[in-house]
Amino acid sequence: MKLRWLEHSPRGPVSVSLCCPRLPPGTFGLCVELCSGDLSCPRGQKCCSNGCGHSCQTTVQDVSIR
């Protein structure tokens, strides 16, 4: 699940969403499920893939101009 909202800028509406950080190519994490969904993580974190299992990770902003 992404949290998404619109902001206005001089260039027009901007779509902002909070999402999991991108994994570098070839990344392998622990093959353990350390979370079961975003609600099982502390505030400001999401349950994200770590390359094999899932863990709570700090969200990053994904910004795109509409």
PDB file of N, CA and C in Angstrom:
ATOM      1  N   MET A   1       0.841  -1.174   0.000  1.00  0.00           N
ATOM      2  CA  MET A   1       0.000   0.000   0.000  1.00  0.00           C
ATOM      3  C   MET A   1       0.885   1.236   0.000  1.00  0.00           C
ATOM      4  N   LYS A   2       0.593   2.161  -0.885  1.00  0.00           N
ATOM      5  CA  LYS A   2       1.298   3.434  -0.921  1.00  0.00           C
ATOM      6  C   LYS A   2       0.403   4.508  -0.330  1.00  0.00           C
ATOM      7  N   LEU A   3       0.992   5.406   0.444  1.00  0.00           N
ATOM      8  CA  LEU A   3       0.286   6.584   0.926  1.00  0.00           C
ATOM      9  C   LEU A   3       0.562   7.672  -0.094  1.00  0.00           C
ATOM     10  N   ARG A   4      -0.480   8.245  -0.666  1.00  0.00           N
ATOM     11  CA  ARG A   4      -0.295   9.180  -1.770  1.00  0.00           C
ATOM     12  C   ARG A   4      -1.116  10.435  -1.536  1.00  0.00           C
ATOM     13  N   TRP A   5      -0.591  11.580  -1.942  1.00  0.00           N
ATOM     14  CA  TRP A   5      -1.327  12.835  -1.871  1.00  0.00           C
ATOM     15  C   TRP A   5      -0.819  13.756  -2.960  1.00  0.00           C
ATOM     16  N   LEU A   6      -1.554  14.832  -3.216  1.00  0.00           N
ATOM     17  CA  LEU A   6      -1.165  15.812  -4.227  1.00  0.00           C
ATOM     18  C   LEU A   6      -0.715  17.091  -3.556  1.00  0.00           C
ATOM     19  N   GLU A   7       0.325  17.680  -4.093  1.00  0.00           N
ATOM     20  CA  GLU A   7       0.781  18.999  -3.672  1.00  0.00           C
ATOM     21  C   GLU A   7       0.840  19.855  -4.924  1.00  0.00           C
ATOM     22  N   HIS A   8       0.782  21.167  -4.745  1.00  0.00           N
ATOM     23  CA  HIS A   8       0.861  22.063  -5.889  1.00  0.00           C
ATOM     24  C   HIS A   8       2.226  22.730  -5.914  1.00  0.00           C
ATOM     25  N   SER A   9       2.764  22.852  -7.116  1.00  0.00           N
ATOM     26  CA  SER A   9       4.045  23.517  -7.315  1.00  0.00           C
ATOM     27  C   SER A   9       3.878  24.468  -8.494  1.00  0.00           C
ATOM     28  N   PRO A  10       4.871  25.325  -8.756  1.00  0.00           N
ATOM     29  CA  PRO A  10       4.770  26.227  -9.906  1.00  0.00           C
ATOM     30  C   PRO A  10       4.582  25.472 -11.225  1.00  0.00           C
ATOM     31  N   ARG A  11       5.026  24.226 -11.292  1.00  0.00           N
ATOM     32  CA  ARG A  11       4.892  23.423 -12.513  1.00  0.00           C
ATOM     33  C   ARG A  11       3.543  22.717 -12.599  1.00  0.00           C
ATOM     34  N   GLY A  12       2.732  22.788 -11.551  1.00  0.00           N
ATOM     35  CA  GLY A  12       1.444  22.112 -11.537  1.00  0.00           C
ATOM     36  C   GLY A  12       1.384  21.104 -10.411  1.00  0.00           C
ATOM     37  N   PRO A  13       0.321  20.286 -10.399  1.00  0.00           N
ATOM     38  CA  PRO A  13       0.164  19.302  -9.322  1.00  0.00           C
ATOM     39  C   PRO A  13       1.306  18.288  -9.297  1.00  0.00           C
ATOM     40  N   VAL A  14       1.722  17.949  -8.108  1.00  0.00           N
ATOM     41  CA  VAL A  14       2.785  16.966  -7.914  1.00  0.00           C
ATOM     42  C   VAL A  14       2.214  15.827  -7.083  1.00  0.00           C
ATOM     43  N   SER A  15       2.383  14.610  -7.549  1.00  0.00           N
ATOM     44  CA  SER A  15       1.935  13.431  -6.812  1.00  0.00           C
ATOM     45  C   SER A  15       3.070  12.977  -5.904  1.00  0.00           C
ATOM     46  N   VAL A  16       2.784  12.865  -4.613  1.00  0.00           N
ATOM     47  CA  VAL A  16       3.788  12.437  -3.640  1.00  0.00           C
ATOM     48  C   VAL A  16       3.277  11.170  -2.974  1.00  0.00           C
ATOM     49  N   SER A  17       4.111  10.155  -2.906  1.00  0.00           N
ATOM     50  CA  SER A  17       3.715   8.934  -2.209  1.00  0.00           C
ATOM     51  C   SER A  17       4.880   8.441  -1.365  1.00  0.00           C
ATOM     52  N   LEU A  18       4.550   7.767  -0.282  1.00  0.00           N
ATOM     53  CA  LEU A  18       5.553   7.153   0.578  1.00  0.00           C
ATOM     54  C   LEU A  18       5.614   5.681   0.216  1.00  0.00           C
ATOM     55  N   CYS A  19       6.805   5.198  -0.099  1.00  0.00           N
ATOM     56  CA  CYS A  19       6.931   3.821  -0.540  1.00  0.00           C
ATOM     57  C   CYS A  19       8.208   3.201   0.024  1.00  0.00           C
ATOM     58  N   CYS A  20       8.377   1.934  -0.250  1.00  0.00           N
ATOM     59  CA  CYS A  20       9.571   1.210   0.193  1.00  0.00           C
ATOM     60  C   CYS A  20      10.786   1.685  -0.601  1.00  0.00           C
ATOM     61  N   PRO A  21      11.957   1.709   0.031  1.00  0.00           N
ATOM     62  CA  PRO A  21      13.165   2.067  -0.715  1.00  0.00           C
ATOM     63  C   PRO A  21      13.451   1.020  -1.788  1.00  0.00           C
ATOM     64  N   ARG A  22      14.042   1.449  -2.889  1.00  0.00           N
ATOM     65  CA  ARG A  22      14.401   0.521  -3.963  1.00  0.00           C
ATOM     66  C   ARG A  22      15.622  -0.287  -3.555  1.00  0.00           C
ATOM     67  N   LEU A  23      15.592  -1.534  -3.918  1.00  0.00           N
ATOM     68  CA  LEU A  23      16.727  -2.410  -3.625  1.00  0.00           C
ATOM     69  C   LEU A  23      17.725  -2.353  -4.771  1.00  0.00           C
ATOM     70  N   PRO A  24      19.013  -2.266  -4.469  1.00  0.00           N
ATOM     71  CA  PRO A  24      20.010  -2.327  -5.535  1.00  0.00           C
ATOM     72  C   PRO A  24      19.933  -3.686  -6.235  1.00  0.00           C
ATOM     73  N   PRO A  25      20.230  -3.744  -7.540  1.00  0.00           N
ATOM     74  CA  PRO A  25      20.205  -5.024  -8.248  1.00  0.00           C
ATOM     75  C   PRO A  25      21.089  -6.059  -7.556  1.00  0.00           C
ATOM     76  N   GLY A  26      20.616  -7.280  -7.499  1.00  0.00           N
ATOM     77  CA  GLY A  26      21.386  -8.367  -6.901  1.00  0.00           C
ATOM     78  C   GLY A  26      21.330  -8.413  -5.388  1.00  0.00           C
ATOM     79  N   THR A  27      20.459  -7.594  -4.782  1.00  0.00           N
ATOM     80  CA  THR A  27      20.353  -7.565  -3.324  1.00  0.00           C
ATOM     81  C   THR A  27      19.641  -8.809  -2.812  1.00  0.00           C
ATOM     82  N   PHE A  28      20.203  -9.419  -1.803  1.00  0.00           N
ATOM     83  CA  PHE A  28      19.572 -10.550  -1.132  1.00  0.00           C
ATOM     84  C   PHE A  28      19.517 -10.240   0.351  1.00  0.00           C
ATOM     85  N   GLY A  29      18.353 -10.384   0.951  1.00  0.00           N
ATOM     86  CA  GLY A  29      18.190 -10.137   2.376  1.00  0.00           C
ATOM     87  C   GLY A  29      17.942 -11.433   3.105  1.00  0.00           C
ATOM     88  N   LEU A  30      17.672 -11.317   4.390  1.00  0.00           N
ATOM     89  CA  LEU A  30      17.333 -12.488   5.188  1.00  0.00           C
ATOM     90  C   LEU A  30      16.013 -13.067   4.695  1.00  0.00           C
ATOM     91  N   CYS A  31      15.962 -14.365   4.529  1.00  0.00           N
ATOM     92  CA  CYS A  31      14.732 -15.028   4.070  1.00  0.00           C
ATOM     93  C   CYS A  31      13.833 -15.313   5.265  1.00  0.00           C
ATOM     94  N   VAL A  32      13.470 -14.242   5.956  1.00  0.00           N
ATOM     95  CA  VAL A  32      12.646 -14.311   7.157  1.00  0.00           C
ATOM     96  C   VAL A  32      11.564 -13.243   7.028  1.00  0.00           C
ATOM     97  N   GLU A  33      10.363 -13.567   7.460  1.00  0.00           N
ATOM     98  CA  GLU A  33       9.271 -12.594   7.463  1.00  0.00           C
ATOM     99  C   GLU A  33       9.267 -11.886   8.817  1.00  0.00           C
ATOM    100  N   LEU A  34       9.843 -10.676   8.873  1.00  0.00           N
ATOM    101  CA  LEU A  34       9.937  -9.920  10.120  1.00  0.00           C
ATOM    102  C   LEU A  34       8.743  -8.992  10.328  1.00  0.00           C
ATOM    103  N   CYS A  35       7.850  -8.910   9.332  1.00  0.00           N
ATOM    104  CA  CYS A  35       6.622  -8.135   9.467  1.00  0.00           C
ATOM    105  C   CYS A  35       5.546  -8.805   8.616  1.00  0.00           C
ATOM    106  N   SER A  36       4.295  -8.507   8.953  1.00  0.00           N
ATOM    107  CA  SER A  36       3.188  -9.142   8.233  1.00  0.00           C
ATOM    108  C   SER A  36       2.357  -8.131   7.444  1.00  0.00           C
ATOM    109  N   GLY A  37       2.752  -6.884   7.445  1.00  0.00           N
ATOM    110  CA  GLY A  37       2.047  -5.805   6.757  1.00  0.00           C
ATOM    111  C   GLY A  37       2.452  -4.482   7.368  1.00  0.00           C
ATOM    112  N   ASP A  38       2.076  -3.389   6.724  1.00  0.00           N
ATOM    113  CA  ASP A  38       2.482  -2.062   7.195  1.00  0.00           C
ATOM    114  C   ASP A  38       2.035  -1.778   8.622  1.00  0.00           C
ATOM    115  N   LEU A  39       0.887  -2.311   9.022  1.00  0.00           N
ATOM    116  CA  LEU A  39       0.387  -2.057  10.379  1.00  0.00           C
ATOM    117  C   LEU A  39       1.224  -2.738  11.456  1.00  0.00           C
ATOM    118  N   SER A  40       2.056  -3.699  11.071  1.00  0.00           N
ATOM    119  CA  SER A  40       2.915  -4.372  12.054  1.00  0.00           C
ATOM    120  C   SER A  40       4.252  -3.649  12.231  1.00  0.00           C
ATOM    121  N   CYS A  41       4.427  -2.530  11.529  1.00  0.00           N
ATOM    122  CA  CYS A  41       5.675  -1.756  11.606  1.00  0.00           C
ATOM    123  C   CYS A  41       5.465  -0.476  12.410  1.00  0.00           C
ATOM    124  N   PRO A  42       6.553   0.071  12.983  1.00  0.00           N
ATOM    125  CA  PRO A  42       6.455   1.354  13.687  1.00  0.00           C
ATOM    126  C   PRO A  42       6.029   2.474  12.734  1.00  0.00           C
ATOM    127  N   ARG A  43       5.515   3.544  13.299  1.00  0.00           N
ATOM    128  CA  ARG A  43       5.098   4.699  12.504  1.00  0.00           C
ATOM    129  C   ARG A  43       6.257   5.195  11.636  1.00  0.00           C
ATOM    130  N   GLY A  44       5.968   5.511  10.385  1.00  0.00           N
ATOM    131  CA  GLY A  44       6.991   6.001   9.465  1.00  0.00           C
ATOM    132  C   GLY A  44       7.715   4.894   8.726  1.00  0.00           C
ATOM    133  N   GLN A  45       7.332   3.642   8.981  1.00  0.00           N
ATOM    134  CA  GLN A  45       7.953   2.516   8.291  1.00  0.00           C
ATOM    135  C   GLN A  45       6.889   1.682   7.600  1.00  0.00           C
ATOM    136  N   LYS A  46       7.322   0.926   6.589  1.00  0.00           N
ATOM    137  CA  LYS A  46       6.451   0.021   5.852  1.00  0.00           C
ATOM    138  C   LYS A  46       7.074  -1.363   5.867  1.00  0.00           C
ATOM    139  N   CYS A  47       6.246  -2.369   5.669  1.00  0.00           N
ATOM    140  CA  CYS A  47       6.711  -3.746   5.540  1.00  0.00           C
ATOM    141  C   CYS A  47       7.158  -3.924   4.086  1.00  0.00           C
ATOM    142  N   CYS A  48       8.464  -4.022   3.869  1.00  0.00           N
ATOM    143  CA  CYS A  48       9.035  -4.023   2.520  1.00  0.00           C
ATOM    144  C   CYS A  48       9.837  -5.290   2.257  1.00  0.00           C
ATOM    145  N   SER A  49       9.932  -5.639   0.988  1.00  0.00           N
ATOM    146  CA  SER A  49      10.790  -6.754   0.598  1.00  0.00           C
ATOM    147  C   SER A  49      12.240  -6.368   0.859  1.00  0.00           C
ATOM    148  N   ASN A  50      13.010  -7.314   1.374  1.00  0.00           N
ATOM    149  CA  ASN A  50      14.437  -7.062   1.584  1.00  0.00           C
ATOM    150  C   ASN A  50      15.274  -7.883   0.606  1.00  0.00           C
ATOM    151  N   GLY A  51      14.635  -8.421  -0.415  1.00  0.00           N
ATOM    152  CA  GLY A  51      15.331  -9.223  -1.407  1.00  0.00           C
ATOM    153  C   GLY A  51      15.001 -10.699  -1.293  1.00  0.00           C
ATOM    154  N   CYS A  52      14.456 -11.118  -0.165  1.00  0.00           N
ATOM    155  CA  CYS A  52      14.028 -12.505   0.031  1.00  0.00           C
ATOM    156  C   CYS A  52      12.802 -12.550   0.931  1.00  0.00           C
ATOM    157  N   GLY A  53      12.909 -11.994   2.123  1.00  0.00           N
ATOM    158  CA  GLY A  53      11.783 -11.926   3.058  1.00  0.00           C
ATOM    159  C   GLY A  53      11.255 -10.506   3.114  1.00  0.00           C
ATOM    160  N   HIS A  54      10.671 -10.139   4.246  1.00  0.00           N
ATOM    161  CA  HIS A  54      10.152  -8.788   4.450  1.00  0.00           C
ATOM    162  C   HIS A  54      10.596  -8.260   5.808  1.00  0.00           C
ATOM    163  N   SER A  55      10.852  -6.943   5.869  1.00  0.00           N
ATOM    164  CA  SER A  55      11.233  -6.296   7.119  1.00  0.00           C
ATOM    165  C   SER A  55      10.688  -4.875   7.123  1.00  0.00           C
ATOM    166  N   CYS A  56      10.569  -4.287   8.314  1.00  0.00           N
ATOM    167  CA  CYS A  56      10.125  -2.904   8.449  1.00  0.00           C
ATOM    168  C   CYS A  56      11.260  -1.990   8.011  1.00  0.00           C
ATOM    169  N   GLN A  57      10.951  -1.069   7.095  1.00  0.00           N
ATOM    170  CA  GLN A  57      11.957  -0.141   6.592  1.00  0.00           C
ATOM    171  C   GLN A  57      11.373   1.261   6.549  1.00  0.00           C
ATOM    172  N   THR A  58      12.237   2.252   6.726  1.00  0.00           N
ATOM    173  CA  THR A  58      11.816   3.647   6.670  1.00  0.00           C
ATOM    174  C   THR A  58      11.378   3.985   5.251  1.00  0.00           C
ATOM    175  N   THR A  59      10.238   4.667   5.132  1.00  0.00           N
ATOM    176  CA  THR A  59       9.701   5.012   3.822  1.00  0.00           C
ATOM    177  C   THR A  59      10.532   6.093   3.147  1.00  0.00           C
ATOM    178  N   VAL A  60      10.439   6.138   1.829  1.00  0.00           N
ATOM    179  CA  VAL A  60      11.060   7.184   1.031  1.00  0.00           C
ATOM    180  C   VAL A  60       9.961   7.838   0.208  1.00  0.00           C
ATOM    181  N   GLN A  61      10.165   9.096  -0.175  1.00  0.00           N
ATOM    182  CA  GLN A  61       9.174   9.797  -0.989  1.00  0.00           C
ATOM    183  C   GLN A  61       9.420   9.499  -2.454  1.00  0.00           C
ATOM    184  N   ASP A  62       8.345   9.211  -3.164  1.00  0.00           N
ATOM    185  CA  ASP A  62       8.365   9.046  -4.609  1.00  0.00           C
ATOM    186  C   ASP A  62       7.551  10.208  -5.155  1.00  0.00           C
ATOM    187  N   VAL A  63       8.213  11.152  -5.832  1.00  0.00           N
ATOM    188  CA  VAL A  63       7.557  12.370  -6.296  1.00  0.00           C
ATOM    189  C   VAL A  63       7.499  12.360  -7.819  1.00  0.00           C
ATOM    190  N   SER A  64       6.322  12.630  -8.368  1.00  0.00           N
ATOM    191  CA  SER A  64       6.199  12.724  -9.822  1.00  0.00           C
ATOM    192  C   SER A  64       5.301  13.905 -10.165  1.00  0.00           C
ATOM    193  N   ILE A  65       5.656  14.641 -11.212  1.00  0.00           N
ATOM    194  CA  ILE A  65       4.871  15.789 -11.665  1.00  0.00           C
ATOM    195  C   ILE A  65       3.780  15.264 -12.577  1.00  0.00           C
ATOM    196  N   ARG A  66       2.570  15.716 -12.329  1.00  0.00           N
ATOM    197  CA  ARG A  66       1.426  15.251 -13.133  1.00  0.00           C
ATOM    198  C   ARG A  66       1.178  16.162 -14.287  1.00  0.00           C
TER     199      ARG A  66
END
